[in-house]
Amino acid sequence: MNPIEVNDEVNPDEVQRVLLRVRARLHESDTDLEQLCATLPEPTEGFDARAELRGTLQCVRTDLLEDALSTLKAASRRTEEEWRKLFEERSQIVSEGGVR
């Protein structure tokens, strides 16, 4: 289910409100994973599947959710002028042949 109807008339403020709601749900998931990790043992030199699972969950939290939360937070607060500046910077990089 789309949280907003996508068309040329979409209000950026409405999109940003949706992004804040998505971010809140992701933050709740991150909190759930954090609590789950706390119930699992720390890795040791010996094999423990639960410790391996904890490592995977911590990786998801730090490598994926942390970036997603940060990116959504920035996107939900960015002004049209900031979006334009980012677009212009990206366009300049592309016109210069990309990042080396």
N, C-alpha and C. Protein backbone atom coordinates (compact mmCIF):
# COMPACT_ATOMS: atom_id res chain seq x y z
N MET A 1 0.84 -1.17 0.00
CA MET A 1 0.00 0.00 0.00
C MET A 1 0.88 1.23 0.00
N ASN A 2 0.68 2.13 -0.95
CA ASN A 2 1.45 3.36 -1.01
C ASN A 2 0.98 4.32 0.07
N PRO A 3 1.92 4.92 0.81
CA PRO A 3 1.52 5.86 1.86
C PRO A 3 1.00 7.18 1.28
N ILE A 4 1.38 7.49 0.03
CA ILE A 4 0.88 8.67 -0.66
C ILE A 4 0.67 8.31 -2.12
N GLU A 5 -0.20 9.03 -2.78
CA GLU A 5 -0.41 8.80 -4.20
C GLU A 5 0.70 9.51 -4.97
N VAL A 6 1.37 8.77 -5.84
CA VAL A 6 2.49 9.32 -6.59
C VAL A 6 1.97 9.95 -7.88
N ASN A 7 2.22 11.24 -8.03
CA ASN A 7 1.88 11.96 -9.25
C ASN A 7 2.71 13.24 -9.27
N ASP A 8 2.50 14.06 -10.26
CA ASP A 8 3.26 15.29 -10.38
C ASP A 8 2.90 16.32 -9.32
N GLU A 9 1.83 16.10 -8.62
CA GLU A 9 1.36 17.06 -7.62
C GLU A 9 1.77 16.69 -6.20
N VAL A 10 2.66 15.72 -6.03
CA VAL A 10 3.06 15.29 -4.69
C VAL A 10 3.75 16.44 -3.97
N ASN A 11 3.30 16.70 -2.78
CA ASN A 11 3.85 17.76 -1.95
C ASN A 11 5.10 17.23 -1.25
N PRO A 12 6.26 17.89 -1.43
CA PRO A 12 7.49 17.43 -0.78
C PRO A 12 7.36 17.32 0.74
N ASP A 13 6.58 18.21 1.35
CA ASP A 13 6.39 18.14 2.80
C ASP A 13 5.69 16.84 3.19
N GLU A 14 4.73 16.43 2.37
CA GLU A 14 4.01 15.18 2.63
C GLU A 14 4.97 13.99 2.52
N VAL A 15 5.82 14.01 1.49
CA VAL A 15 6.81 12.94 1.32
C VAL A 15 7.73 12.89 2.53
N GLN A 16 8.16 14.05 2.98
CA GLN A 16 9.07 14.08 4.12
C GLN A 16 8.39 13.56 5.39
N ARG A 17 7.11 13.82 5.55
CA ARG A 17 6.39 13.26 6.71
C ARG A 17 6.35 11.74 6.63
N VAL A 18 6.14 11.21 5.43
CA VAL A 18 6.14 9.75 5.25
C VAL A 18 7.53 9.19 5.57
N LEU A 19 8.57 9.89 5.12
CA LEU A 19 9.94 9.43 5.42
C LEU A 19 10.18 9.38 6.92
N LEU A 20 9.68 10.35 7.65
CA LEU A 20 9.83 10.33 9.10
C LEU A 20 9.13 9.14 9.73
N ARG A 21 7.95 8.78 9.19
CA ARG A 21 7.23 7.60 9.71
C ARG A 21 8.00 6.32 9.40
N VAL A 22 8.53 6.23 8.17
CA VAL A 22 9.33 5.05 7.80
C VAL A 22 10.55 4.95 8.71
N ARG A 23 11.20 6.08 8.92
CA ARG A 23 12.39 6.10 9.78
C ARG A 23 12.02 5.64 11.20
N ALA A 24 10.88 6.08 11.70
CA ALA A 24 10.45 5.68 13.04
C ALA A 24 10.26 4.17 13.13
N ARG A 25 9.67 3.58 12.08
CA ARG A 25 9.48 2.12 12.06
C ARG A 25 10.82 1.40 12.00
N LEU A 26 11.75 1.93 11.18
CA LEU A 26 13.08 1.32 11.12
C LEU A 26 13.79 1.43 12.46
N HIS A 27 13.61 2.57 13.13
CA HIS A 27 14.23 2.75 14.44
C HIS A 27 13.68 1.73 15.44
N GLU A 28 12.37 1.48 15.37
CA GLU A 28 11.77 0.46 16.23
C GLU A 28 12.37 -0.91 15.93
N SER A 29 12.57 -1.22 14.66
CA SER A 29 13.19 -2.50 14.28
C SER A 29 14.62 -2.57 14.81
N ASP A 30 15.34 -1.48 14.72
CA ASP A 30 16.70 -1.44 15.24
C ASP A 30 16.71 -1.69 16.74
N THR A 31 15.77 -1.09 17.45
CA THR A 31 15.66 -1.30 18.90
C THR A 31 15.34 -2.76 19.21
N ASP A 32 14.44 -3.35 18.42
CA ASP A 32 14.11 -4.77 18.61
C ASP A 32 15.35 -5.64 18.40
N LEU A 33 16.12 -5.34 17.36
CA LEU A 33 17.34 -6.12 17.09
C LEU A 33 18.36 -5.93 18.20
N GLU A 34 18.47 -4.71 18.71
CA GLU A 34 19.40 -4.44 19.82
C GLU A 34 19.02 -5.27 21.04
N GLN A 35 17.74 -5.31 21.36
CA GLN A 35 17.29 -6.09 22.52
C GLN A 35 17.52 -7.58 22.28
N LEU A 36 17.29 -8.04 21.07
CA LEU A 36 17.54 -9.44 20.75
C LEU A 36 19.02 -9.77 20.89
N CYS A 37 19.87 -8.89 20.39
CA CYS A 37 21.32 -9.10 20.51
C CYS A 37 21.73 -9.25 21.97
N ALA A 38 21.11 -8.46 22.83
CA ALA A 38 21.46 -8.50 24.26
C ALA A 38 21.14 -9.85 24.89
N THR A 39 20.24 -10.61 24.28
CA THR A 39 19.88 -11.92 24.83
C THR A 39 20.79 -13.02 24.30
N LEU A 40 21.59 -12.70 23.29
CA LEU A 40 22.46 -13.71 22.67
C LEU A 40 23.88 -13.55 23.19
N PRO A 41 24.63 -14.65 23.25
CA PRO A 41 25.99 -14.58 23.80
C PRO A 41 26.96 -13.86 22.86
N GLU A 42 27.98 -13.27 23.46
CA GLU A 42 29.08 -12.67 22.70
C GLU A 42 29.86 -13.80 22.03
N PRO A 43 30.45 -13.52 20.87
CA PRO A 43 31.29 -14.55 20.23
C PRO A 43 32.50 -14.88 21.10
N THR A 44 32.89 -16.14 21.04
CA THR A 44 34.11 -16.60 21.73
C THR A 44 34.93 -17.37 20.71
N GLU A 45 35.98 -18.00 21.17
CA GLU A 45 36.81 -18.78 20.25
C GLU A 45 36.11 -20.05 19.79
N GLY A 46 35.20 -20.56 20.61
CA GLY A 46 34.46 -21.76 20.24
C GLY A 46 33.21 -21.40 19.44
N PHE A 47 32.72 -22.38 18.69
CA PHE A 47 31.53 -22.16 17.87
C PHE A 47 30.28 -22.12 18.73
N ASP A 48 29.45 -21.14 18.48
CA ASP A 48 28.12 -21.05 19.09
C ASP A 48 27.23 -20.37 18.06
N ALA A 49 26.24 -21.10 17.56
CA ALA A 49 25.36 -20.56 16.52
C ALA A 49 24.67 -19.28 16.98
N ARG A 50 24.32 -19.22 18.27
CA ARG A 50 23.66 -18.03 18.78
C ARG A 50 24.59 -16.81 18.74
N ALA A 51 25.86 -17.03 19.01
CA ALA A 51 26.84 -15.94 18.93
C ALA A 51 27.04 -15.51 17.48
N GLU A 52 27.01 -16.47 16.57
CA GLU A 52 27.10 -16.13 15.14
C GLU A 52 25.90 -15.30 14.71
N LEU A 53 24.72 -15.67 15.18
CA LEU A 53 23.51 -14.91 14.89
C LEU A 53 23.62 -13.50 15.44
N ARG A 54 24.14 -13.38 16.67
CA ARG A 54 24.32 -12.06 17.26
C ARG A 54 25.22 -11.19 16.38
N GLY A 55 26.30 -11.76 15.89
CA GLY A 55 27.20 -11.02 15.02
C GLY A 55 26.51 -10.56 13.75
N THR A 56 25.67 -11.41 13.19
CA THR A 56 24.93 -11.05 11.99
C THR A 56 23.96 -9.91 12.27
N LEU A 57 23.24 -10.00 13.38
CA LEU A 57 22.28 -8.96 13.74
C LEU A 57 22.98 -7.63 14.02
N GLN A 58 24.14 -7.70 14.67
CA GLN A 58 24.90 -6.47 14.91
C GLN A 58 25.37 -5.86 13.60
N CYS A 59 25.76 -6.69 12.66
CA CYS A 59 26.17 -6.22 11.35
C CYS A 59 25.01 -5.52 10.64
N VAL A 60 23.84 -6.11 10.70
CA VAL A 60 22.66 -5.48 10.08
C VAL A 60 22.42 -4.12 10.71
N ARG A 61 22.54 -4.05 12.03
CA ARG A 61 22.29 -2.78 12.72
C ARG A 61 23.32 -1.72 12.33
N THR A 62 24.59 -2.07 12.36
CA THR A 62 25.63 -1.05 12.13
C THR A 62 25.88 -0.77 10.66
N ASP A 63 25.82 -1.78 9.82
CA ASP A 63 26.16 -1.59 8.41
C ASP A 63 24.97 -1.20 7.54
N LEU A 64 23.78 -1.52 7.96
CA LEU A 64 22.61 -1.27 7.12
C LEU A 64 21.63 -0.29 7.76
N LEU A 65 21.11 -0.63 8.92
CA LEU A 65 20.09 0.22 9.52
C LEU A 65 20.63 1.58 9.94
N GLU A 66 21.84 1.62 10.45
CA GLU A 66 22.42 2.91 10.87
C GLU A 66 22.48 3.88 9.68
N ASP A 67 22.96 3.38 8.54
CA ASP A 67 23.02 4.22 7.34
C ASP A 67 21.63 4.59 6.85
N ALA A 68 20.71 3.64 6.86
CA ALA A 68 19.35 3.92 6.40
C ALA A 68 18.69 4.98 7.29
N LEU A 69 18.84 4.85 8.59
CA LEU A 69 18.25 5.82 9.51
C LEU A 69 18.83 7.21 9.30
N SER A 70 20.12 7.28 9.13
CA SER A 70 20.79 8.56 8.90
C SER A 70 20.35 9.19 7.58
N THR A 71 20.30 8.38 6.53
CA THR A 71 19.91 8.88 5.21
C THR A 71 18.47 9.36 5.20
N LEU A 72 17.56 8.59 5.81
CA LEU A 72 16.16 9.01 5.86
C LEU A 72 15.97 10.26 6.70
N LYS A 73 16.73 10.38 7.77
CA LYS A 73 16.65 11.59 8.60
C LYS A 73 17.05 12.81 7.79
N ALA A 74 18.16 12.70 7.07
CA ALA A 74 18.63 13.82 6.25
C ALA A 74 17.62 14.15 5.15
N ALA A 75 17.10 13.13 4.49
CA ALA A 75 16.15 13.34 3.40
C ALA A 75 14.86 13.98 3.90
N SER A 76 14.46 13.65 5.11
CA SER A 76 13.22 14.19 5.64
C SER A 76 13.35 15.64 6.07
N ARG A 77 14.57 16.13 6.18
CA ARG A 77 14.80 17.51 6.64
C ARG A 77 15.35 18.43 5.56
N ARG A 78 15.76 17.87 4.45
CA ARG A 78 16.43 18.64 3.41
C ARG A 78 15.44 19.59 2.71
N THR A 79 15.88 20.81 2.49
CA THR A 79 15.05 21.80 1.79
C THR A 79 15.23 21.63 0.28
N GLU A 80 14.34 22.28 -0.46
CA GLU A 80 14.45 22.23 -1.92
C GLU A 80 15.78 22.80 -2.38
N GLU A 81 16.25 23.86 -1.73
CA GLU A 81 17.53 24.44 -2.10
C GLU A 81 18.69 23.46 -1.87
N GLU A 82 18.62 22.72 -0.77
CA GLU A 82 19.66 21.72 -0.50
C GLU A 82 19.61 20.60 -1.54
N TRP A 83 18.39 20.17 -1.92
CA TRP A 83 18.27 19.15 -2.96
C TRP A 83 18.89 19.65 -4.26
N ARG A 84 18.61 20.92 -4.59
CA ARG A 84 19.15 21.51 -5.82
C ARG A 84 20.67 21.53 -5.78
N LYS A 85 21.25 21.92 -4.66
CA LYS A 85 22.71 21.97 -4.53
C LYS A 85 23.31 20.58 -4.72
N LEU A 86 22.72 19.58 -4.10
CA LEU A 86 23.20 18.21 -4.27
C LEU A 86 23.10 17.75 -5.72
N PHE A 87 21.98 18.11 -6.37
CA PHE A 87 21.80 17.76 -7.77
C PHE A 87 22.88 18.42 -8.63
N GLU A 88 23.13 19.69 -8.38
CA GLU A 88 24.14 20.41 -9.16
C GLU A 88 25.54 19.83 -8.93
N GLU A 89 25.85 19.48 -7.69
CA GLU A 89 27.15 18.86 -7.40
C GLU A 89 27.29 17.52 -8.12
N ARG A 90 26.23 16.71 -8.08
CA ARG A 90 26.24 15.41 -8.75
C ARG A 90 26.35 15.59 -10.27
N SER A 91 25.64 16.57 -10.81
CA SER A 91 25.70 16.84 -12.25
C SER A 91 27.10 17.27 -12.66
N GLN A 92 27.75 18.07 -11.83
CA GLN A 92 29.12 18.51 -12.11
C GLN A 92 30.08 17.31 -12.13
N ILE A 93 29.94 16.43 -11.19
CA ILE A 93 30.81 15.23 -11.13
C ILE A 93 30.62 14.39 -12.38
N VAL A 94 29.35 14.20 -12.77
CA VAL A 94 29.04 13.39 -13.96
C VAL A 94 29.62 14.05 -15.20
N SER A 95 29.48 15.35 -15.32
CA SER A 95 29.98 16.04 -16.51
C SER A 95 31.50 16.04 -16.58
N GLU A 96 32.14 15.89 -15.44
CA GLU A 96 33.62 15.83 -15.40
C GLU A 96 34.14 14.40 -15.56
N GLY A 97 33.26 13.48 -15.79
CA GLY A 97 33.68 12.10 -16.02
C GLY A 97 33.62 11.20 -14.81
N GLY A 98 32.97 11.65 -13.78
CA GLY A 98 32.79 10.81 -12.60
C GLY A 98 33.94 10.90 -11.63
N VAL A 99 33.80 10.15 -10.57
CA VAL A 99 34.81 10.13 -9.51
C VAL A 99 35.98 9.26 -9.92
N ARG A 100 37.17 9.72 -9.64
CA ARG A 100 38.36 8.94 -9.97
C ARG A 100 38.97 8.34 -8.75
